[in-house]
Amino acid sequence: MREQPGGYRTIDRDTPEYDIAIPEGTVVGLFASLGLELTCSIQYGTWCGRAGGLTYQDVLIARKAASTR
């Protein structure tokens, strides 16, 4: 995968949505900045050859963080 402007990586510059990689810290930080919290640990996919993944893709499940009033 080749790094693209904006800090993500993709295989095909012309159709980046085909296959895109975003650093884990970037995604988790974006979730936090939007008021979202992970409900469980990240479920890593088998895309990189890892065995026993839930799916091919990595899976993150989040919910809106509880208000701190």
PDB file of N, CA and C in Angstrom:
ATOM      1  N   MET A   1       0.844  -1.174   0.000  1.00  0.00           N
ATOM      2  CA  MET A   1       0.000   0.000   0.000  1.00  0.00           C
ATOM      3  C   MET A   1       0.892   1.240   0.000  1.00  0.00           C
ATOM      4  N   ARG A   2       0.475   2.206  -0.737  1.00  0.00           N
ATOM      5  CA  ARG A   2       1.245   3.444  -0.849  1.00  0.00           C
ATOM      6  C   ARG A   2       0.599   4.552  -0.031  1.00  0.00           C
ATOM      7  N   GLU A   3       1.440   5.313   0.684  1.00  0.00           N
ATOM      8  CA  GLU A   3       0.907   6.414   1.481  1.00  0.00           C
ATOM      9  C   GLU A   3       0.395   7.517   0.575  1.00  0.00           C
ATOM     10  N   GLN A   4      -0.731   8.100   0.963  1.00  0.00           N
ATOM     11  CA  GLN A   4      -1.374   9.168   0.203  1.00  0.00           C
ATOM     12  C   GLN A   4      -1.420  10.429   1.066  1.00  0.00           C
ATOM     13  N   PRO A   5      -1.618  11.576   0.434  1.00  0.00           N
ATOM     14  CA  PRO A   5      -1.812  12.794   1.221  1.00  0.00           C
ATOM     15  C   PRO A   5      -2.978  12.601   2.193  1.00  0.00           C
ATOM     16  N   GLY A   6      -2.824  13.036   3.405  1.00  0.00           N
ATOM     17  CA  GLY A   6      -3.879  12.857   4.389  1.00  0.00           C
ATOM     18  C   GLY A   6      -3.577  11.754   5.387  1.00  0.00           C
ATOM     19  N   GLY A   7      -2.460  11.045   5.198  1.00  0.00           N
ATOM     20  CA  GLY A   7      -2.025  10.055   6.178  1.00  0.00           C
ATOM     21  C   GLY A   7      -2.637   8.676   6.060  1.00  0.00           C
ATOM     22  N   TYR A   8      -3.291   8.366   4.964  1.00  0.00           N
ATOM     23  CA  TYR A   8      -3.824   7.018   4.789  1.00  0.00           C
ATOM     24  C   TYR A   8      -3.038   6.305   3.696  1.00  0.00           C
ATOM     25  N   ARG A   9      -3.273   5.030   3.547  1.00  0.00           N
ATOM     26  CA  ARG A   9      -2.608   4.245   2.500  1.00  0.00           C
ATOM     27  C   ARG A   9      -3.669   3.571   1.644  1.00  0.00           C
ATOM     28  N   THR A  10      -3.333   3.379   0.382  1.00  0.00           N
ATOM     29  CA  THR A  10      -4.245   2.714  -0.531  1.00  0.00           C
ATOM     30  C   THR A  10      -3.446   1.967  -1.598  1.00  0.00           C
ATOM     31  N   ILE A  11      -4.084   1.002  -2.216  1.00  0.00           N
ATOM     32  CA  ILE A  11      -3.450   0.259  -3.300  1.00  0.00           C
ATOM     33  C   ILE A  11      -3.616   1.011  -4.617  1.00  0.00           C
ATOM     34  N   ASP A  12      -4.793   1.562  -4.834  1.00  0.00           N
ATOM     35  CA  ASP A  12      -5.122   2.204  -6.111  1.00  0.00           C
ATOM     36  C   ASP A  12      -5.464   3.672  -5.904  1.00  0.00           C
ATOM     37  N   ARG A  13      -4.587   4.552  -6.327  1.00  0.00           N
ATOM     38  CA  ARG A  13      -4.778   5.988  -6.142  1.00  0.00           C
ATOM     39  C   ARG A  13      -6.050   6.488  -6.829  1.00  0.00           C
ATOM     40  N   ASP A  14      -6.428   5.892  -7.949  1.00  0.00           N
ATOM     41  CA  ASP A  14      -7.610   6.344  -8.691  1.00  0.00           C
ATOM     42  C   ASP A  14      -8.922   5.934  -8.022  1.00  0.00           C
ATOM     43  N   THR A  15      -8.914   4.835  -7.302  1.00  0.00           N
ATOM     44  CA  THR A  15     -10.104   4.401  -6.562  1.00  0.00           C
ATOM     45  C   THR A  15      -9.679   3.999  -5.144  1.00  0.00           C
ATOM     46  N   PRO A  16      -9.353   4.988  -4.315  1.00  0.00           N
ATOM     47  CA  PRO A  16      -8.843   4.679  -2.975  1.00  0.00           C
ATOM     48  C   PRO A  16      -9.842   3.930  -2.102  1.00  0.00           C
ATOM     49  N   GLU A  17     -11.138   4.080  -2.383  1.00  0.00           N
ATOM     50  CA  GLU A  17     -12.129   3.384  -1.569  1.00  0.00           C
ATOM     51  C   GLU A  17     -12.085   1.870  -1.769  1.00  0.00           C
ATOM     52  N   TYR A  18     -11.403   1.408  -2.810  1.00  0.00           N
ATOM     53  CA  TYR A  18     -11.280  -0.017  -3.067  1.00  0.00           C
ATOM     54  C   TYR A  18     -10.565  -0.717  -1.916  1.00  0.00           C
ATOM     55  N   ASP A  19      -9.506  -0.109  -1.427  1.00  0.00           N
ATOM     56  CA  ASP A  19      -8.711  -0.696  -0.360  1.00  0.00           C
ATOM     57  C   ASP A  19      -7.980   0.430   0.347  1.00  0.00           C
ATOM     58  N   ILE A  20      -8.343   0.712   1.578  1.00  0.00           N
ATOM     59  CA  ILE A  20      -7.759   1.839   2.293  1.00  0.00           C
ATOM     60  C   ILE A  20      -7.308   1.401   3.677  1.00  0.00           C
ATOM     61  N   ALA A  21      -6.201   1.958   4.116  1.00  0.00           N
ATOM     62  CA  ALA A  21      -5.676   1.670   5.446  1.00  0.00           C
ATOM     63  C   ALA A  21      -5.454   2.991   6.171  1.00  0.00           C
ATOM     64  N   ILE A  22      -5.982   3.063   7.378  1.00  0.00           N
ATOM     65  CA  ILE A  22      -5.832   4.248   8.212  1.00  0.00           C
ATOM     66  C   ILE A  22      -5.189   3.793   9.511  1.00  0.00           C
ATOM     67  N   PRO A  23      -4.156   4.490   9.982  1.00  0.00           N
ATOM     68  CA  PRO A  23      -3.513   4.067  11.229  1.00  0.00           C
ATOM     69  C   PRO A  23      -4.514   3.969  12.387  1.00  0.00           C
ATOM     70  N   GLU A  24      -4.356   2.933  13.195  1.00  0.00           N
ATOM     71  CA  GLU A  24      -5.266   2.690  14.314  1.00  0.00           C
ATOM     72  C   GLU A  24      -5.404   3.921  15.214  1.00  0.00           C
ATOM     73  N   GLY A  25      -4.298   4.543  15.547  1.00  0.00           N
ATOM     74  CA  GLY A  25      -4.338   5.722  16.416  1.00  0.00           C
ATOM     75  C   GLY A  25      -5.143   6.858  15.824  1.00  0.00           C
ATOM     76  N   THR A  26      -5.097   7.006  14.510  1.00  0.00           N
ATOM     77  CA  THR A  26      -5.870   8.045  13.828  1.00  0.00           C
ATOM     78  C   THR A  26      -7.370   7.772  13.966  1.00  0.00           C
ATOM     79  N   VAL A  27      -7.760   6.523  13.752  1.00  0.00           N
ATOM     80  CA  VAL A  27      -9.180   6.160  13.839  1.00  0.00           C
ATOM     81  C   VAL A  27      -9.681   6.323  15.271  1.00  0.00           C
ATOM     82  N   VAL A  28      -8.944   5.807  16.233  1.00  0.00           N
ATOM     83  CA  VAL A  28      -9.362   5.905  17.635  1.00  0.00           C
ATOM     84  C   VAL A  28      -9.437   7.373  18.059  1.00  0.00           C
ATOM     85  N   GLY A  29      -8.471   8.184  17.627  1.00  0.00           N
ATOM     86  CA  GLY A  29      -8.495   9.613  17.940  1.00  0.00           C
ATOM     87  C   GLY A  29      -9.683  10.319  17.310  1.00  0.00           C
ATOM     88  N   LEU A  30     -10.020   9.950  16.078  1.00  0.00           N
ATOM     89  CA  LEU A  30     -11.170  10.533  15.405  1.00  0.00           C
ATOM     90  C   LEU A  30     -12.456  10.169  16.144  1.00  0.00           C
ATOM     91  N   PHE A  31     -12.581   8.912  16.529  1.00  0.00           N
ATOM     92  CA  PHE A  31     -13.750   8.498  17.303  1.00  0.00           C
ATOM     93  C   PHE A  31     -13.875   9.359  18.557  1.00  0.00           C
ATOM     94  N   ALA A  32     -12.787   9.494  19.301  1.00  0.00           N
ATOM     95  CA  ALA A  32     -12.811  10.274  20.544  1.00  0.00           C
ATOM     96  C   ALA A  32     -13.198  11.726  20.281  1.00  0.00           C
ATOM     97  N   SER A  33     -12.668  12.306  19.207  1.00  0.00           N
ATOM     98  CA  SER A  33     -12.976  13.704  18.902  1.00  0.00           C
ATOM     99  C   SER A  33     -14.437  13.903  18.525  1.00  0.00           C
ATOM    100  N   LEU A  34     -15.103  12.825  18.114  1.00  0.00           N
ATOM    101  CA  LEU A  34     -16.515  12.875  17.758  1.00  0.00           C
ATOM    102  C   LEU A  34     -17.421  12.436  18.909  1.00  0.00           C
ATOM    103  N   GLY A  35     -16.822  12.216  20.066  1.00  0.00           N
ATOM    104  CA  GLY A  35     -17.610  11.816  21.228  1.00  0.00           C
ATOM    105  C   GLY A  35     -18.009  10.363  21.221  1.00  0.00           C
ATOM    106  N   LEU A  36     -17.229   9.527  20.568  1.00  0.00           N
ATOM    107  CA  LEU A  36     -17.519   8.095  20.512  1.00  0.00           C
ATOM    108  C   LEU A  36     -16.512   7.330  21.352  1.00  0.00           C
ATOM    109  N   GLU A  37     -16.946   6.242  21.939  1.00  0.00           N
ATOM    110  CA  GLU A  37     -16.047   5.383  22.714  1.00  0.00           C
ATOM    111  C   GLU A  37     -16.198   3.944  22.223  1.00  0.00           C
ATOM    112  N   LEU A  38     -15.084   3.237  22.188  1.00  0.00           N
ATOM    113  CA  LEU A  38     -15.121   1.833  21.780  1.00  0.00           C
ATOM    114  C   LEU A  38     -15.861   1.028  22.840  1.00  0.00           C
ATOM    115  N   THR A  39     -16.723   0.121  22.413  1.00  0.00           N
ATOM    116  CA  THR A  39     -17.485  -0.698  23.353  1.00  0.00           C
ATOM    117  C   THR A  39     -16.774  -1.999  23.688  1.00  0.00           C
ATOM    118  N   CYS A  40     -15.773  -2.356  22.892  1.00  0.00           N
ATOM    119  CA  CYS A  40     -14.994  -3.567  23.137  1.00  0.00           C
ATOM    120  C   CYS A  40     -13.644  -3.388  22.439  1.00  0.00           C
ATOM    121  N   SER A  41     -12.772  -4.333  22.625  1.00  0.00           N
ATOM    122  CA  SER A  41     -11.469  -4.239  21.980  1.00  0.00           C
ATOM    123  C   SER A  41     -11.625  -4.349  20.460  1.00  0.00           C
ATOM    124  N   ILE A  42     -10.664  -3.826  19.747  1.00  0.00           N
ATOM    125  CA  ILE A  42     -10.680  -3.892  18.289  1.00  0.00           C
ATOM    126  C   ILE A  42     -10.567  -5.352  17.870  1.00  0.00           C
ATOM    127  N   GLN A  43     -11.414  -5.760  16.947  1.00  0.00           N
ATOM    128  CA  GLN A  43     -11.379  -7.119  16.406  1.00  0.00           C
ATOM    129  C   GLN A  43     -10.581  -7.059  15.100  1.00  0.00           C
ATOM    130  N   TYR A  44      -9.344  -7.516  15.143  1.00  0.00           N
ATOM    131  CA  TYR A  44      -8.480  -7.444  13.978  1.00  0.00           C
ATOM    132  C   TYR A  44      -8.862  -8.510  12.957  1.00  0.00           C
ATOM    133  N   GLY A  45      -8.845  -8.129  11.697  1.00  0.00           N
ATOM    134  CA  GLY A  45      -9.240  -9.017  10.617  1.00  0.00           C
ATOM    135  C   GLY A  45      -8.118  -9.900  10.107  1.00  0.00           C
ATOM    136  N   THR A  46      -8.475 -10.739   9.166  1.00  0.00           N
ATOM    137  CA  THR A  46      -7.525 -11.685   8.595  1.00  0.00           C
ATOM    138  C   THR A  46      -6.816 -11.146   7.349  1.00  0.00           C
ATOM    139  N   TRP A  47      -7.073  -9.887   6.990  1.00  0.00           N
ATOM    140  CA  TRP A  47      -6.526  -9.293   5.762  1.00  0.00           C
ATOM    141  C   TRP A  47      -5.007  -9.404   5.666  1.00  0.00           C
ATOM    142  N   CYS A  48      -4.326  -9.435   6.797  1.00  0.00           N
ATOM    143  CA  CYS A  48      -2.860  -9.463   6.762  1.00  0.00           C
ATOM    144  C   CYS A  48      -2.300 -10.868   6.946  1.00  0.00           C
ATOM    145  N   GLY A  49      -3.179 -11.877   6.924  1.00  0.00           N
ATOM    146  CA  GLY A  49      -2.728 -13.250   7.104  1.00  0.00           C
ATOM    147  C   GLY A  49      -2.911 -13.747   8.522  1.00  0.00           C
ATOM    148  N   ARG A  50      -3.449 -12.912   9.390  1.00  0.00           N
ATOM    149  CA  ARG A  50      -3.700 -13.290  10.779  1.00  0.00           C
ATOM    150  C   ARG A  50      -4.767 -14.383  10.815  1.00  0.00           C
ATOM    151  N   ALA A  51      -4.591 -15.377  11.635  1.00  0.00           N
ATOM    152  CA  ALA A  51      -5.574 -16.455  11.763  1.00  0.00           C
ATOM    153  C   ALA A  51      -6.610 -16.099  12.830  1.00  0.00           C
ATOM    154  N   GLY A  52      -7.815 -16.622  12.674  1.00  0.00           N
ATOM    155  CA  GLY A  52      -8.812 -16.496  13.719  1.00  0.00           C
ATOM    156  C   GLY A  52      -9.530 -15.169  13.798  1.00  0.00           C
ATOM    157  N   GLY A  53      -9.443 -14.361  12.764  1.00  0.00           N
ATOM    158  CA  GLY A  53     -10.142 -13.085  12.787  1.00  0.00           C
ATOM    159  C   GLY A  53     -11.643 -13.263  12.657  1.00  0.00           C
ATOM    160  N   LEU A  54     -12.381 -12.299  13.173  1.00  0.00           N
ATOM    161  CA  LEU A  54     -13.834 -12.319  13.081  1.00  0.00           C
ATOM    162  C   LEU A  54     -14.289 -12.225  11.621  1.00  0.00           C
ATOM    163  N   THR A  55     -13.629 -11.365  10.852  1.00  0.00           N
ATOM    164  CA  THR A  55     -13.901 -11.162   9.432  1.00  0.00           C
ATOM    165  C   THR A  55     -12.590 -10.864   8.730  1.00  0.00           C
ATOM    166  N   TYR A  56     -12.673 -10.583   7.460  1.00  0.00           N
ATOM    167  CA  TYR A  56     -11.491 -10.179   6.704  1.00  0.00           C
ATOM    168  C   TYR A  56     -11.028  -8.795   7.158  1.00  0.00           C
ATOM    169  N   GLN A  57     -11.973  -7.893   7.397  1.00  0.00           N
ATOM    170  CA  GLN A  57     -11.675  -6.516   7.784  1.00  0.00           C
ATOM    171  C   GLN A  57     -11.517  -6.401   9.302  1.00  0.00           C
ATOM    172  N   ASP A  58     -10.827  -5.339   9.738  1.00  0.00           N
ATOM    173  CA  ASP A  58     -10.804  -5.005  11.154  1.00  0.00           C
ATOM    174  C   ASP A  58     -12.175  -4.435  11.512  1.00  0.00           C
ATOM    175  N   VAL A  59     -12.642  -4.689  12.735  1.00  0.00           N
ATOM    176  CA  VAL A  59     -13.964  -4.227  13.160  1.00  0.00           C
ATOM    177  C   VAL A  59     -13.825  -3.425  14.449  1.00  0.00           C
ATOM    178  N   LEU A  60     -14.407  -2.225  14.433  1.00  0.00           N
ATOM    179  CA  LEU A  60     -14.481  -1.383  15.630  1.00  0.00           C
ATOM    180  C   LEU A  60     -15.937  -1.083  15.883  1.00  0.00           C
ATOM    181  N   ILE A  61     -16.381  -1.256  17.111  1.00  0.00           N
ATOM    182  CA  ILE A  61     -17.762  -0.944  17.485  1.00  0.00           C
ATOM    183  C   ILE A  61     -17.696   0.147  18.537  1.00  0.00           C
ATOM    184  N   ALA A  62     -18.445   1.220  18.276  1.00  0.00           N
ATOM    185  CA  ALA A  62     -18.407   2.364  19.182  1.00  0.00           C
ATOM    186  C   ALA A  62     -19.815   2.854  19.466  1.00  0.00           C
ATOM    187  N   ARG A  63     -19.926   3.616  20.539  1.00  0.00           N
ATOM    188  CA  ARG A  63     -21.198   4.264  20.874  1.00  0.00           C
ATOM    189  C   ARG A  63     -20.895   5.687  21.321  1.00  0.00           C
ATOM    190  N   LYS A  64     -21.929   6.483  21.311  1.00  0.00           N
ATOM    191  CA  LYS A  64     -21.780   7.849  21.762  1.00  0.00           C
ATOM    192  C   LYS A  64     -21.437   7.811  23.258  1.00  0.00           C
ATOM    193  N   ALA A  65     -20.389   8.533  23.615  1.00  0.00           N
ATOM    194  CA  ALA A  65     -19.948   8.544  25.003  1.00  0.00           C
ATOM    195  C   ALA A  65     -21.030   9.168  25.887  1.00  0.00           C
ATOM    196  N   ALA A  66     -21.133   8.641  27.112  1.00  0.00           N
ATOM    197  CA  ALA A  66     -22.103   9.188  28.062  1.00  0.00           C
ATOM    198  C   ALA A  66     -21.736  10.632  28.383  1.00  0.00           C
ATOM    199  N   SER A  67     -22.736  11.471  28.511  1.00  0.00           N
ATOM    200  CA  SER A  67     -22.526  12.876  28.847  1.00  0.00           C
ATOM    201  C   SER A  67     -22.004  12.994  30.274  1.00  0.00           C
ATOM    202  N   THR A  68     -21.084  13.918  30.482  1.00  0.00           N
ATOM    203  CA  THR A  68     -20.518  14.134  31.820  1.00  0.00           C
ATOM    204  C   THR A  68     -21.082  15.437  32.375  1.00  0.00           C
ATOM    205  N   ARG A  69     -22.348  15.418  32.732  1.00  0.00           N
ATOM    206  CA  ARG A  69     -22.995  16.628  33.285  1.00  0.00           C
ATOM    207  C   ARG A  69     -22.829  16.707  34.752  1.00  0.00           C
TER     208      ARG A  69
END
